[in-house]
PDB file of N, CA and C in Angstrom:
ATOM      1  N   MET A   1     -57.444   6.981 -26.731  1.00  0.00           N
ATOM      2  CA  MET A   1     -58.685   6.592 -26.004  1.00  0.00           C
ATOM      3  C   MET A   1     -59.096   5.137 -26.262  1.00  0.00           C
ATOM      4  N   ASN A   2     -58.947   4.683 -27.522  1.00  0.00           N
ATOM      5  CA  ASN A   2     -59.387   3.271 -27.883  1.00  0.00           C
ATOM      6  C   ASN A   2     -58.483   2.315 -27.087  1.00  0.00           C
ATOM      7  N   PHE A   3     -57.247   2.643 -26.866  1.00  0.00           N
ATOM      8  CA  PHE A   3     -56.332   1.864 -26.044  1.00  0.00           C
ATOM      9  C   PHE A   3     -56.947   1.586 -24.619  1.00  0.00           C
ATOM     10  N   LEU A   4     -57.335   2.675 -24.028  1.00  0.00           N
ATOM     11  CA  LEU A   4     -57.936   2.478 -22.662  1.00  0.00           C
ATOM     12  C   LEU A   4     -59.164   1.682 -22.767  1.00  0.00           C
ATOM     13  N   ARG A   5     -60.045   1.861 -23.711  1.00  0.00           N
ATOM     14  CA  ARG A   5     -61.199   1.016 -23.760  1.00  0.00           C
ATOM     15  C   ARG A   5     -60.899  -0.418 -23.983  1.00  0.00           C
ATOM     16  N   SER A   6     -59.806  -0.692 -24.766  1.00  0.00           N
ATOM     17  CA  SER A   6     -59.544  -2.117 -25.004  1.00  0.00           C
ATOM     18  C   SER A   6     -58.972  -2.779 -23.646  1.00  0.00           C
ATOM     19  N   LEU A   7     -58.348  -1.958 -22.869  1.00  0.00           N
ATOM     20  CA  LEU A   7     -57.948  -2.519 -21.505  1.00  0.00           C
ATOM     21  C   LEU A   7     -59.014  -3.000 -20.698  1.00  0.00           C
ATOM     22  N   PHE A   8     -60.121  -2.300 -20.631  1.00  0.00           N
ATOM     23  CA  PHE A   8     -61.208  -2.666 -19.829  1.00  0.00           C
ATOM     24  C   PHE A   8     -62.368  -3.397 -20.380  1.00  0.00           C
ATOM     25  N   ALA A   9     -62.321  -3.490 -21.733  1.00  0.00           N
ATOM     26  CA  ALA A   9     -63.418  -4.276 -22.338  1.00  0.00           C
ATOM     27  C   ALA A   9     -63.341  -5.772 -22.028  1.00  0.00           C
ATOM     28  N   PRO A  10     -64.536  -6.387 -21.987  1.00  0.00           N
ATOM     29  CA  PRO A  10     -64.469  -7.823 -21.652  1.00  0.00           C
ATOM     30  C   PRO A  10     -63.851  -8.611 -22.812  1.00  0.00           C
ATOM     31  N   ARG A  11     -63.061  -9.553 -22.457  1.00  0.00           N
ATOM     32  CA  ARG A  11     -62.359 -10.382 -23.511  1.00  0.00           C
ATOM     33  C   ARG A  11     -63.053 -11.664 -23.671  1.00  0.00           C
ATOM     34  N   GLN A  12     -63.025 -12.131 -24.862  1.00  0.00           N
ATOM     35  CA  GLN A  12     -63.652 -13.367 -25.241  1.00  0.00           C
ATOM     36  C   GLN A  12     -62.754 -14.517 -24.769  1.00  0.00           C
ATOM     37  N   GLN A  13     -63.379 -15.506 -23.938  1.00  0.00           N
ATOM     38  CA  GLN A  13     -62.660 -16.490 -23.379  1.00  0.00           C
ATOM     39  C   GLN A  13     -62.460 -17.604 -24.394  1.00  0.00           C
ATOM     40  N   PHE A  14     -61.298 -18.089 -24.547  1.00  0.00           N
ATOM     41  CA  PHE A  14     -60.983 -19.189 -25.478  1.00  0.00           C
ATOM     42  C   PHE A  14     -60.820 -20.445 -24.647  1.00  0.00           C
ATOM     43  N   ARG A  15     -61.234 -21.568 -25.309  1.00  0.00           N
ATOM     44  CA  ARG A  15     -61.220 -22.876 -24.736  1.00  0.00           C
ATOM     45  C   ARG A  15     -60.292 -23.705 -25.633  1.00  0.00           C
ATOM     46  N   SER A  16     -59.726 -24.779 -24.952  1.00  0.00           N
ATOM     47  CA  SER A  16     -58.791 -25.643 -25.735  1.00  0.00           C
ATOM     48  C   SER A  16     -59.440 -26.940 -26.030  1.00  0.00           C
ATOM     49  N   PHE A  17     -59.234 -27.453 -27.215  1.00  0.00           N
ATOM     50  CA  PHE A  17     -59.857 -28.713 -27.664  1.00  0.00           C
ATOM     51  C   PHE A  17     -58.755 -29.638 -28.344  1.00  0.00           C
ATOM     52  N   ALA A  18     -58.936 -30.899 -28.212  1.00  0.00           N
ATOM     53  CA  ALA A  18     -58.035 -31.820 -28.872  1.00  0.00           C
ATOM     54  C   ALA A  18     -58.919 -32.819 -29.824  1.00  0.00           C
ATOM     55  N   LEU A  19     -58.359 -33.025 -30.987  1.00  0.00           N
ATOM     56  CA  LEU A  19     -59.047 -34.000 -31.812  1.00  0.00           C
ATOM     57  C   LEU A  19     -58.492 -35.402 -31.692  1.00  0.00           C
ATOM     58  N   LEU A  20     -59.282 -36.348 -31.277  1.00  0.00           N
ATOM     59  CA  LEU A  20     -58.913 -37.666 -31.067  1.00  0.00           C
ATOM     60  C   LEU A  20     -59.297 -38.591 -32.135  1.00  0.00           C
ATOM     61  N   ASP A  21     -58.486 -39.631 -32.518  1.00  0.00           N
ATOM     62  CA  ASP A  21     -58.812 -40.552 -33.532  1.00  0.00           C
ATOM     63  C   ASP A  21     -59.565 -41.756 -32.840  1.00  0.00           C
ATOM     64  N   GLY A  22     -59.744 -42.787 -33.573  1.00  0.00           N
ATOM     65  CA  GLY A  22     -60.518 -43.967 -33.119  1.00  0.00           C
ATOM     66  C   GLY A  22     -59.853 -44.700 -32.014  1.00  0.00           C
ATOM     67  N   GLN A  23     -58.563 -44.554 -31.911  1.00  0.00           N
ATOM     68  CA  GLN A  23     -57.773 -45.208 -30.812  1.00  0.00           C
ATOM     69  C   GLN A  23     -57.534 -44.266 -29.515  1.00  0.00           C
ATOM     70  N   GLY A  24     -58.121 -43.091 -29.594  1.00  0.00           N
ATOM     71  CA  GLY A  24     -57.891 -42.127 -28.445  1.00  0.00           C
ATOM     72  C   GLY A  24     -56.665 -41.266 -28.537  1.00  0.00           C
ATOM     73  N   ARG A  25     -56.004 -41.399 -29.700  1.00  0.00           N
ATOM     74  CA  ARG A  25     -54.774 -40.627 -29.892  1.00  0.00           C
ATOM     75  C   ARG A  25     -54.995 -39.174 -30.324  1.00  0.00           C
ATOM     76  N   CYS A  26     -54.244 -38.245 -29.845  1.00  0.00           N
ATOM     77  CA  CYS A  26     -54.404 -36.904 -30.180  1.00  0.00           C
ATOM     78  C   CYS A  26     -53.826 -36.589 -31.552  1.00  0.00           C
ATOM     79  N   ARG A  27     -54.732 -36.059 -32.460  1.00  0.00           N
ATOM     80  CA  ARG A  27     -54.284 -35.713 -33.753  1.00  0.00           C
ATOM     81  C   ARG A  27     -54.054 -34.208 -34.005  1.00  0.00           C
ATOM     82  N   ALA A  28     -54.788 -33.458 -33.266  1.00  0.00           N
ATOM     83  CA  ALA A  28     -54.715 -31.931 -33.516  1.00  0.00           C
ATOM     84  C   ALA A  28     -55.242 -31.173 -32.248  1.00  0.00           C
ATOM     85  N   PHE A  29     -54.805 -29.940 -32.160  1.00  0.00           N
ATOM     86  CA  PHE A  29     -55.338 -29.052 -31.083  1.00  0.00           C
ATOM     87  C   PHE A  29     -55.946 -27.852 -31.778  1.00  0.00           C
ATOM     88  N   LYS A  30     -56.906 -27.316 -30.937  1.00  0.00           N
ATOM     89  CA  LYS A  30     -57.565 -26.051 -31.383  1.00  0.00           C
ATOM     90  C   LYS A  30     -57.905 -25.153 -30.169  1.00  0.00           C
ATOM     91  N   HIS A  31     -57.687 -23.856 -30.293  1.00  0.00           N
ATOM     92  CA  HIS A  31     -57.954 -22.988 -29.282  1.00  0.00           C
ATOM     93  C   HIS A  31     -58.978 -21.937 -29.818  1.00  0.00           C
ATOM     94  N   CYS A  32     -60.186 -21.989 -29.302  1.00  0.00           N
ATOM     95  CA  CYS A  32     -61.259 -21.184 -29.912  1.00  0.00           C
ATOM     96  C   CYS A  32     -62.343 -20.991 -28.907  1.00  0.00           C
ATOM     97  N   PRO A  33     -63.234 -19.966 -29.153  1.00  0.00           N
ATOM     98  CA  PRO A  33     -64.253 -19.618 -28.235  1.00  0.00           C
ATOM     99  C   PRO A  33     -65.403 -20.608 -28.123  1.00  0.00           C
ATOM    100  N   ALA A  34     -65.661 -21.468 -29.217  1.00  0.00           N
ATOM    101  CA  ALA A  34     -66.729 -22.405 -29.133  1.00  0.00           C
ATOM    102  C   ALA A  34     -66.247 -23.764 -29.597  1.00  0.00           C
ATOM    103  N   ALA A  35     -66.945 -24.772 -29.215  1.00  0.00           N
ATOM    104  CA  ALA A  35     -66.627 -26.139 -29.613  1.00  0.00           C
ATOM    105  C   ALA A  35     -66.470 -26.245 -31.099  1.00  0.00           C
ATOM    106  N   PRO A  36     -65.463 -26.903 -31.611  1.00  0.00           N
ATOM    107  CA  PRO A  36     -65.373 -27.142 -33.151  1.00  0.00           C
ATOM    108  C   PRO A  36     -66.419 -28.107 -33.638  1.00  0.00           C
ATOM    109  N   VAL A  37     -66.830 -27.954 -34.840  1.00  0.00           N
ATOM    110  CA  VAL A  37     -67.863 -28.821 -35.494  1.00  0.00           C
ATOM    111  C   VAL A  37     -67.154 -29.998 -35.977  1.00  0.00           C
ATOM    112  N   GLY A  38     -67.790 -31.199 -35.674  1.00  0.00           N
ATOM    113  CA  GLY A  38     -67.268 -32.455 -36.189  1.00  0.00           C
ATOM    114  C   GLY A  38     -67.033 -33.412 -35.097  1.00  0.00           C
ATOM    115  N   ASP A  39     -66.844 -34.688 -35.404  1.00  0.00           N
ATOM    116  CA  ASP A  39     -66.653 -35.657 -34.473  1.00  0.00           C
ATOM    117  C   ASP A  39     -65.261 -35.822 -33.963  1.00  0.00           C
ATOM    118  N   GLY A  40     -64.995 -36.260 -32.726  1.00  0.00           N
ATOM    119  CA  GLY A  40     -63.719 -36.470 -32.258  1.00  0.00           C
ATOM    120  C   GLY A  40     -63.097 -35.361 -31.366  1.00  0.00           C
ATOM    121  N   TRP A  41     -63.784 -34.223 -31.384  1.00  0.00           N
ATOM    122  CA  TRP A  41     -63.185 -33.061 -30.652  1.00  0.00           C
ATOM    123  C   TRP A  41     -63.627 -33.197 -29.174  1.00  0.00           C
ATOM    124  N   VAL A  42     -62.668 -33.068 -28.176  1.00  0.00           N
ATOM    125  CA  VAL A  42     -62.948 -33.078 -26.725  1.00  0.00           C
ATOM    126  C   VAL A  42     -62.306 -31.810 -26.174  1.00  0.00           C
ATOM    127  N   GLU A  43     -62.967 -31.382 -25.155  1.00  0.00           N
ATOM    128  CA  GLU A  43     -62.362 -30.132 -24.481  1.00  0.00           C
ATOM    129  C   GLU A  43     -61.351 -30.610 -23.529  1.00  0.00           C
ATOM    130  N   ILE A  44     -60.192 -29.852 -23.459  1.00  0.00           N
ATOM    131  CA  ILE A  44     -59.115 -30.264 -22.526  1.00  0.00           C
ATOM    132  C   ILE A  44     -58.828 -29.001 -21.684  1.00  0.00           C
ATOM    133  N   GLN A  45     -58.106 -29.273 -20.558  1.00  0.00           N
ATOM    134  CA  GLN A  45     -57.721 -28.169 -19.741  1.00  0.00           C
ATOM    135  C   GLN A  45     -56.678 -27.243 -20.312  1.00  0.00           C
ATOM    136  N   GLU A  46     -55.728 -27.803 -21.012  1.00  0.00           N
ATOM    137  CA  GLU A  46     -54.582 -27.036 -21.609  1.00  0.00           C
ATOM    138  C   GLU A  46     -54.020 -27.837 -22.833  1.00  0.00           C
ATOM    139  N   ILE A  47     -53.263 -27.143 -23.603  1.00  0.00           N
ATOM    140  CA  ILE A  47     -52.647 -27.829 -24.749  1.00  0.00           C
ATOM    141  C   ILE A  47     -51.219 -28.128 -24.410  1.00  0.00           C
ATOM    142  N   ARG A  48     -50.767 -29.358 -24.564  1.00  0.00           N
ATOM    143  CA  ARG A  48     -49.445 -29.763 -24.264  1.00  0.00           C
ATOM    144  C   ARG A  48     -49.002 -30.545 -25.597  1.00  0.00           C
ATOM    145  N   LEU A  49     -47.986 -29.992 -26.177  1.00  0.00           N
ATOM    146  CA  LEU A  49     -47.540 -30.624 -27.498  1.00  0.00           C
ATOM    147  C   LEU A  49     -47.038 -31.958 -27.343  1.00  0.00           C
ATOM    148  N   ASN A  50     -46.538 -32.400 -26.162  1.00  0.00           N
ATOM    149  CA  ASN A  50     -46.092 -33.786 -26.061  1.00  0.00           C
ATOM    150  C   ASN A  50     -47.248 -34.806 -25.985  1.00  0.00           C
ATOM    151  N   TRP A  51     -48.534 -34.292 -26.026  1.00  0.00           N
ATOM    152  CA  TRP A  51     -49.687 -35.196 -26.236  1.00  0.00           C
ATOM    153  C   TRP A  51     -50.006 -35.605 -27.695  1.00  0.00           C
ATOM    154  N   LEU A  52     -49.324 -34.691 -28.580  1.00  0.00           N
ATOM    155  CA  LEU A  52     -49.638 -34.919 -29.983  1.00  0.00           C
ATOM    156  C   LEU A  52     -49.107 -36.366 -30.433  1.00  0.00           C
ATOM    157  N   HIS A  53     -50.058 -37.169 -31.073  1.00  0.00           N
ATOM    158  CA  HIS A  53     -49.753 -38.513 -31.528  1.00  0.00           C
ATOM    159  C   HIS A  53     -49.674 -39.452 -30.399  1.00  0.00           C
ATOM    160  N   GLN A  54     -50.138 -39.076 -29.196  1.00  0.00           N
ATOM    161  CA  GLN A  54     -50.070 -39.983 -28.052  1.00  0.00           C
ATOM    162  C   GLN A  54     -51.581 -40.147 -27.548  1.00  0.00           C
ATOM    163  N   VAL A  55     -51.792 -41.208 -26.716  1.00  0.00           N
ATOM    164  CA  VAL A  55     -53.118 -41.305 -26.100  1.00  0.00           C
ATOM    165  C   VAL A  55     -53.240 -40.168 -25.099  1.00  0.00           C
ATOM    166  N   LEU A  56     -54.371 -39.533 -25.074  1.00  0.00           N
ATOM    167  CA  LEU A  56     -54.633 -38.341 -24.284  1.00  0.00           C
ATOM    168  C   LEU A  56     -54.995 -38.815 -22.842  1.00  0.00           C
ATOM    169  N   PRO A  57     -54.194 -38.318 -21.837  1.00  0.00           N
ATOM    170  CA  PRO A  57     -54.517 -38.809 -20.472  1.00  0.00           C
ATOM    171  C   PRO A  57     -56.023 -38.434 -20.076  1.00  0.00           C
ATOM    172  N   ALA A  58     -56.550 -39.250 -19.235  1.00  0.00           N
ATOM    173  CA  ALA A  58     -57.957 -38.949 -18.880  1.00  0.00           C
ATOM    174  C   ALA A  58     -58.068 -37.664 -17.977  1.00  0.00           C
ATOM    175  N   SER A  59     -56.972 -37.348 -17.240  1.00  0.00           N
ATOM    176  CA  SER A  59     -57.024 -36.170 -16.436  1.00  0.00           C
ATOM    177  C   SER A  59     -56.961 -34.934 -17.260  1.00  0.00           C
ATOM    178  N   ALA A  60     -56.701 -34.931 -18.561  1.00  0.00           N
ATOM    179  CA  ALA A  60     -56.588 -33.754 -19.346  1.00  0.00           C
ATOM    180  C   ALA A  60     -57.977 -33.264 -19.825  1.00  0.00           C
ATOM    181  N   ARG A  61     -58.922 -34.197 -19.820  1.00  0.00           N
ATOM    182  CA  ARG A  61     -60.317 -33.798 -20.324  1.00  0.00           C
ATOM    183  C   ARG A  61     -61.076 -33.036 -19.284  1.00  0.00           C
ATOM    184  N   ILE A  62     -61.968 -32.214 -19.849  1.00  0.00           N
ATOM    185  CA  ILE A  62     -62.890 -31.480 -18.993  1.00  0.00           C
ATOM    186  C   ILE A  62     -64.223 -32.095 -19.274  1.00  0.00           C
ATOM    187  N   SER A  63     -65.063 -32.158 -18.245  1.00  0.00           N
ATOM    188  CA  SER A  63     -66.399 -32.776 -18.435  1.00  0.00           C
ATOM    189  C   SER A  63     -67.222 -31.890 -19.327  1.00  0.00           C
ATOM    190  N   PRO A  64     -68.102 -32.444 -20.175  1.00  0.00           N
ATOM    191  CA  PRO A  64     -68.876 -31.686 -21.138  1.00  0.00           C
ATOM    192  C   PRO A  64     -69.828 -30.722 -20.429  1.00  0.00           C
ATOM    193  N   ARG A  65     -69.826 -29.527 -21.095  1.00  0.00           N
ATOM    194  CA  ARG A  65     -70.718 -28.510 -20.563  1.00  0.00           C
ATOM    195  C   ARG A  65     -72.165 -28.741 -20.742  1.00  0.00           C
ATOM    196  N   CYS A  66     -72.965 -28.258 -19.847  1.00  0.00           N
ATOM    197  CA  CYS A  66     -74.491 -28.467 -19.982  1.00  0.00           C
ATOM    198  C   CYS A  66     -74.959 -27.454 -20.981  1.00  0.00           C
ATOM    199  N   ALA A  67     -75.870 -27.873 -21.783  1.00  0.00           N
ATOM    200  CA  ALA A  67     -76.480 -26.885 -22.800  1.00  0.00           C
ATOM    201  C   ALA A  67     -77.484 -25.986 -22.073  1.00  0.00           C
ATOM    202  N   SER A  68     -78.041 -26.366 -20.914  1.00  0.00           N
ATOM    203  CA  SER A  68     -78.954 -25.599 -20.180  1.00  0.00           C
ATOM    204  C   SER A  68     -78.266 -24.485 -19.318  1.00  0.00           C
ATOM    205  N   SER A  69     -78.975 -23.509 -19.012  1.00  0.00           N
ATOM    206  CA  SER A  69     -78.463 -22.425 -18.211  1.00  0.00           C
ATOM    207  C   SER A  69     -78.183 -22.921 -16.775  1.00  0.00           C
ATOM    208  N   LEU A  70     -77.201 -22.336 -16.140  1.00  0.00           N
ATOM    209  CA  LEU A  70     -76.883 -22.562 -14.781  1.00  0.00           C
ATOM    210  C   LEU A  70     -77.921 -21.929 -13.798  1.00  0.00           C
ATOM    211  N   VAL A  71     -78.580 -20.904 -14.312  1.00  0.00           N
ATOM    212  CA  VAL A  71     -79.542 -20.165 -13.588  1.00  0.00           C
ATOM    213  C   VAL A  71     -80.864 -20.987 -13.550  1.00  0.00           C
ATOM    214  N   ARG A  72     -81.296 -21.289 -12.408  1.00  0.00           N
ATOM    215  CA  ARG A  72     -82.601 -22.042 -12.342  1.00  0.00           C
ATOM    216  C   ARG A  72     -83.711 -21.101 -11.764  1.00  0.00           C
ATOM    217  N   PRO A  73     -84.927 -21.164 -12.317  1.00  0.00           N
ATOM    218  CA  PRO A  73     -86.059 -20.348 -11.758  1.00  0.00           C
ATOM    219  C   PRO A  73     -86.377 -20.788 -10.357  1.00  0.00           C
ATOM    220  N   ILE A  74     -86.827 -19.789  -9.643  1.00  0.00           N
ATOM    221  CA  ILE A  74     -87.197 -19.991  -8.244  1.00  0.00           C
ATOM    222  C   ILE A  74     -88.688 -20.681  -8.229  1.00  0.00           C
ATOM    223  N   LEU A  75     -88.785 -21.740  -7.579  1.00  0.00           N
ATOM    224  CA  LEU A  75     -90.074 -22.455  -7.523  1.00  0.00           C
ATOM    225  C   LEU A  75     -91.009 -21.762  -6.416  1.00  0.00           C
ATOM    226  N   ALA A  76     -92.277 -21.546  -6.855  1.00  0.00           N
ATOM    227  CA  ALA A  76     -93.270 -21.048  -5.993  1.00  0.00           C
ATOM    228  C   ALA A  76     -93.803 -22.057  -5.051  1.00  0.00           C
ATOM    229  N   THR A  77     -93.867 -21.767  -3.734  1.00  0.00           N
ATOM    230  CA  THR A  77     -94.479 -22.733  -2.844  1.00  0.00           C
ATOM    231  C   THR A  77     -95.832 -22.470  -2.475  1.00  0.00           C
TER     232      THR A  77
END
């Protein structure tokens, strides 16, 4: 029964991050549900090992997420 529940339970979405040094080179990758703590971490679309120790392509980055909710209140007229 637990197996069936696990099939339909919502799964936690993991995001991909790259640690960049001062020159923009990729030093590490991390796959986690929330942004890592510390400077130099940027969110990327996917992890590619050939980016390690290379300058991260601009197309790999994802624009920063907004801290505010996407749901906006309806304005009264």
